[in-house]
Amino acid sequence: KSGSGRQSKDVFDVVITGGADHKTGQEDDADRRYQELEQWTRDRFPMVEKTVYRWSGQVMESMDGVAFIGRNPGEENVYIVTGDSGQGTSHGTIAGILLTDLIQGRVHHWEKLYDPARKNLSASALSEFIVEQVNVAQQYADLVTGGDVSSVDEVAPGTGAIMRRGLSKVAVHRDESGTLHERSAVCTHLGCIVQWNSGEKSWDCPCHGSRFDAQGRVIEGPAKSDLAGVEI
């Protein structure tokens, strides 16, 4: 086998664009949002050739945009890191420094800034907090509304939908082979009705962001258990 022994590799630059945010479980239009991001990018970087990857993820937001890093309120030996607001790399580094000092009993000047129990919210942050609580309360209306479909026959392969069955709501998914999977549509965290995410093929809770795979297995909290089974 002749040759220099070196492999040629394509060399290219990659532009990563993020945005088109929405609340988990409250919008099911991933394709439109991907298209918006791609168009925004091409308008500003016309040399871009093709989209090589695309993905969606969740960002935990605090009311003031600052992460919660420190002792969990009410617990002496439990430490938490959350609410990174899309700044996971920075907050992760900060957390490593801050939590090391807290665990070893050292005073750190960042402690109050990132304290999970802080209550020094600005007027704008407090207003946003109230808006978010109202938004969560509104999601419980789905408990008494109709479903997305009236029959499982309306659920196409590779899709999912919510169907009312008597007093209950059922999360119905038909896999690519045509097999039907049914679970309770009630989130195991605080009882909201989950919604189908066609982009990620998952069941997402519009209240507090819990996510379950197409078969109802929990994949992201705050829920800790799978969607309950249903009697067929």
Protein backbone atom coordinates (compact mmCIF):
# COMPACT_ATOMS: atom_id res chain seq x y z
CA LYS A 1 0.00 0.00 0.00
CA SER A 2 1.66 3.14 -1.17
CA GLY A 3 1.36 6.59 0.33
CA SER A 4 2.94 8.88 2.85
CA GLY A 5 1.00 7.44 5.76
CA ARG A 6 -0.70 10.77 6.40
CA GLN A 7 -4.43 11.20 6.13
CA SER A 8 -5.85 14.33 4.57
CA LYS A 9 -8.56 16.02 6.57
CA ASP A 10 -10.94 18.78 5.65
CA VAL A 11 -10.21 21.98 7.50
CA PHE A 12 -13.11 24.33 8.06
CA ASP A 13 -14.53 26.80 10.56
CA VAL A 14 -17.79 26.26 12.40
CA VAL A 15 -20.16 29.02 13.46
CA ILE A 16 -22.35 28.14 16.45
CA THR A 17 -25.58 30.12 16.73
CA GLY A 18 -27.99 29.95 19.67
CA GLY A 19 -31.33 31.53 20.37
CA ALA A 20 -35.04 31.30 19.48
CA ASP A 21 -35.73 30.44 23.11
CA HIS A 22 -39.06 29.22 24.42
CA LYS A 23 -40.38 27.71 27.62
CA THR A 24 -40.14 23.94 27.87
CA GLY A 25 -43.38 22.24 26.93
CA GLN A 26 -45.11 25.42 25.76
CA GLU A 27 -44.11 25.57 22.09
CA ASP A 28 -43.87 22.73 19.58
CA ASP A 29 -42.35 24.41 16.56
CA ALA A 30 -38.70 23.34 16.65
CA ASP A 31 -38.32 23.25 12.87
CA ARG A 32 -39.46 26.88 12.53
CA ARG A 33 -37.04 27.98 15.23
CA TYR A 34 -34.15 26.11 13.62
CA GLN A 35 -34.99 27.81 10.32
CA GLU A 36 -35.03 31.22 12.01
CA LEU A 37 -31.59 30.61 13.51
CA GLU A 38 -30.20 29.39 10.21
CA GLN A 39 -31.59 32.40 8.33
CA TRP A 40 -30.30 34.81 10.99
CA THR A 41 -26.86 33.23 10.66
CA ARG A 42 -26.82 33.30 6.85
CA ASP A 43 -27.91 36.95 6.80
CA ARG A 44 -24.87 37.88 8.89
CA PHE A 45 -22.37 35.26 7.73
CA PRO A 46 -23.08 34.75 4.00
CA MET A 47 -19.98 32.55 3.64
CA VAL A 48 -21.70 29.79 5.64
CA GLU A 49 -22.24 26.74 3.43
CA LYS A 50 -24.30 24.09 5.20
CA THR A 51 -25.77 23.24 8.57
CA VAL A 52 -23.81 20.30 10.02
CA TYR A 53 -25.47 19.95 13.43
CA ARG A 54 -28.50 21.24 15.24
CA TRP A 55 -29.74 20.53 18.73
CA SER A 56 -31.95 21.85 21.49
CA GLY A 57 -31.34 21.94 25.23
CA GLN A 58 -32.71 23.42 28.41
CA VAL A 59 -31.34 26.41 30.28
CA MET A 60 -32.25 26.97 33.92
CA GLU A 61 -32.96 30.65 34.48
CA SER A 62 -32.87 32.55 37.77
CA MET A 63 -34.87 35.74 38.19
CA ASP A 64 -31.77 37.94 38.38
CA GLY A 65 -29.63 36.05 35.86
CA VAL A 66 -27.15 34.94 38.54
CA ALA A 67 -26.69 31.25 39.34
CA PHE A 68 -27.62 29.59 42.63
CA ILE A 69 -24.41 28.22 44.11
CA GLY A 70 -24.07 27.24 47.75
CA ARG A 71 -25.89 25.50 50.57
CA ASN A 72 -29.38 24.33 49.78
CA PRO A 73 -31.73 26.40 51.98
CA GLY A 74 -32.55 24.54 55.18
CA GLU A 75 -29.82 21.92 54.72
CA GLU A 76 -26.37 22.24 56.24
CA ASN A 77 -24.52 19.64 54.18
CA VAL A 78 -26.29 19.76 50.81
CA TYR A 79 -24.78 22.04 48.18
CA ILE A 80 -26.42 22.96 44.88
CA VAL A 81 -25.41 24.50 41.57
CA THR A 82 -28.26 25.51 39.25
CA GLY A 83 -29.82 28.44 37.42
CA ASP A 84 -26.76 29.03 35.26
CA SER A 85 -28.82 31.05 32.73
CA GLY A 86 -26.82 29.72 29.80
CA GLN A 87 -23.46 30.53 31.40
CA GLY A 88 -22.64 26.99 32.49
CA THR A 89 -18.92 27.16 31.73
CA SER A 90 -18.41 30.31 33.80
CA HIS A 91 -20.73 29.31 36.62
CA GLY A 92 -19.27 25.80 36.70
CA THR A 93 -15.81 27.23 37.28
CA ILE A 94 -17.12 29.62 39.92
CA ALA A 95 -18.97 26.77 41.63
CA GLY A 96 -15.81 24.69 41.89
CA ILE A 97 -14.01 27.54 43.63
CA LEU A 98 -16.88 28.66 45.87
CA LEU A 99 -18.10 25.23 46.99
CA THR A 100 -14.57 24.11 47.80
CA ASP A 101 -14.25 26.99 50.25
CA LEU A 102 -17.71 26.49 51.75
CA ILE A 103 -17.17 22.76 52.30
CA GLN A 104 -13.83 23.44 53.96
CA GLY A 105 -15.34 26.10 56.20
CA ARG A 106 -13.62 29.07 54.62
CA VAL A 107 -15.35 32.42 54.10
CA HIS A 108 -15.61 33.48 50.47
CA HIS A 109 -16.62 36.95 49.28
CA TRP A 110 -18.80 35.43 46.51
CA GLU A 111 -21.00 33.54 48.96
CA LYS A 112 -23.74 36.17 49.34
CA LEU A 113 -23.84 36.96 45.63
CA TYR A 114 -24.64 33.36 44.66
CA ASP A 115 -26.52 32.35 47.82
CA PRO A 116 -29.47 30.08 46.82
CA ALA A 117 -31.51 31.67 49.63
CA ARG A 118 -30.97 35.27 48.51
CA LYS A 119 -34.07 37.46 48.34
CA ASN A 120 -32.64 40.77 47.17
CA LEU A 121 -34.59 40.81 43.91
CA SER A 122 -34.94 44.01 41.93
CA ALA A 123 -38.37 45.35 41.03
CA SER A 124 -38.02 44.02 37.48
CA ALA A 125 -36.94 40.58 38.71
CA LEU A 126 -39.84 40.47 41.16
CA SER A 127 -42.25 41.43 38.38
CA GLU A 128 -40.87 38.64 36.19
CA PHE A 129 -41.23 36.19 39.07
CA ILE A 130 -44.93 37.05 39.39
CA VAL A 131 -45.44 36.69 35.63
CA GLU A 132 -43.81 33.26 35.69
CA GLN A 133 -45.98 32.08 38.57
CA VAL A 134 -49.11 33.18 36.72
CA ASN A 135 -47.84 31.36 33.62
CA VAL A 136 -47.41 28.13 35.59
CA ALA A 137 -50.90 28.44 37.09
CA GLN A 138 -52.39 28.85 33.62
CA GLN A 139 -50.94 25.51 32.50
CA TYR A 140 -53.16 23.62 34.94
CA ALA A 141 -56.15 24.57 32.77
CA ASP A 142 -55.11 21.68 30.51
CA LEU A 143 -56.43 19.30 33.16
CA VAL A 144 -60.00 20.09 32.08
CA THR A 145 -59.61 20.80 28.37
CA GLY A 146 -59.98 18.36 25.49
CA GLY A 147 -57.06 16.53 23.93
CA ASP A 148 -55.04 17.05 20.75
CA VAL A 149 -56.78 14.06 19.16
CA SER A 150 -60.00 12.19 19.81
CA SER A 151 -58.73 8.75 18.75
CA VAL A 152 -55.41 6.90 18.74
CA ASP A 153 -55.99 6.35 15.02
CA GLU A 154 -55.11 10.02 14.50
CA VAL A 155 -51.58 9.53 15.90
CA ALA A 156 -49.19 8.92 13.00
CA PRO A 157 -45.99 6.82 13.30
CA GLY A 158 -43.16 8.80 14.89
CA THR A 159 -45.48 11.28 16.57
CA GLY A 160 -47.28 11.78 19.87
CA ALA A 161 -50.43 13.51 21.08
CA ILE A 162 -52.56 14.03 24.17
CA MET A 163 -55.93 12.30 24.19
CA ARG A 164 -58.74 12.60 26.72
CA ARG A 165 -60.13 9.31 27.94
CA GLY A 166 -63.01 9.88 30.34
CA LEU A 167 -61.74 12.00 33.22
CA SER A 168 -58.11 11.25 32.41
CA LYS A 169 -55.60 12.48 29.87
CA VAL A 170 -53.33 10.02 28.11
CA ALA A 171 -49.98 10.65 26.41
CA VAL A 172 -50.12 8.58 23.22
CA HIS A 173 -47.01 7.85 21.13
CA ARG A 174 -46.84 5.68 18.04
CA ASP A 175 -43.29 4.60 17.22
CA GLU A 176 -41.90 4.26 13.70
CA SER A 177 -42.91 0.60 13.54
CA GLY A 178 -46.52 1.52 14.31
CA THR A 179 -46.55 0.21 17.87
CA LEU A 180 -48.66 2.31 20.24
CA HIS A 181 -47.35 3.43 23.64
CA GLU A 182 -49.69 4.99 26.21
CA ARG A 183 -48.83 6.63 29.53
CA SER A 184 -50.59 9.00 31.86
CA ALA A 185 -50.19 12.58 30.64
CA VAL A 186 -49.92 13.86 34.22
CA CYS A 187 -46.40 14.97 35.15
CA THR A 188 -45.13 13.11 38.21
CA HIS A 189 -43.70 16.30 39.70
CA LEU A 190 -46.70 18.53 40.45
CA GLY A 191 -49.43 17.25 38.18
CA CYS A 192 -49.34 19.39 35.04
CA ILE A 193 -50.25 17.87 31.68
CA VAL A 194 -47.19 17.10 29.56
CA GLN A 195 -46.97 18.10 25.90
CA TRP A 196 -45.42 16.32 22.91
CA ASN A 197 -42.11 17.72 21.66
CA SER A 198 -41.91 16.75 17.99
CA GLY A 199 -38.34 18.02 17.63
CA GLU A 200 -36.88 15.94 20.47
CA LYS A 201 -39.49 13.14 20.47
CA SER A 202 -40.19 13.63 24.16
CA TRP A 203 -42.97 14.54 26.58
CA ASP A 204 -42.25 17.91 28.20
CA CYS A 205 -43.92 19.50 31.22
CA PRO A 206 -44.95 23.14 30.59
CA CYS A 207 -44.99 23.98 34.31
CA HIS A 208 -41.54 23.20 35.69
CA GLY A 209 -39.61 21.72 32.77
CA SER A 210 -39.56 18.00 33.55
CA ARG A 211 -38.99 15.84 30.48
CA PHE A 212 -39.80 12.23 29.67
CA ASP A 213 -38.83 10.12 26.67
CA ALA A 214 -41.41 8.87 24.18
CA GLN A 215 -42.14 5.84 26.38
CA GLY A 216 -42.65 8.00 29.47
CA ARG A 217 -39.30 7.42 31.18
CA VAL A 218 -38.06 10.48 33.06
CA ILE A 219 -34.98 12.04 31.45
CA GLU A 220 -34.84 15.42 33.20
CA GLY A 221 -36.15 16.72 36.52
CA PRO A 222 -37.53 18.04 38.72
CA ALA A 223 -39.71 14.94 38.24
CA LYS A 224 -38.08 11.84 39.74
CA SER A 225 -40.35 9.08 38.46
CA ASP A 226 -41.68 7.95 35.08
CA LEU A 227 -45.12 8.80 33.75
CA ALA A 228 -47.63 6.36 35.21
CA GLY A 229 -49.09 3.53 33.18
CA VAL A 230 -52.71 3.51 32.04
CA GLU A 231 -55.36 0.85 31.78
CA ILE A 232 -56.17 0.13 28.14
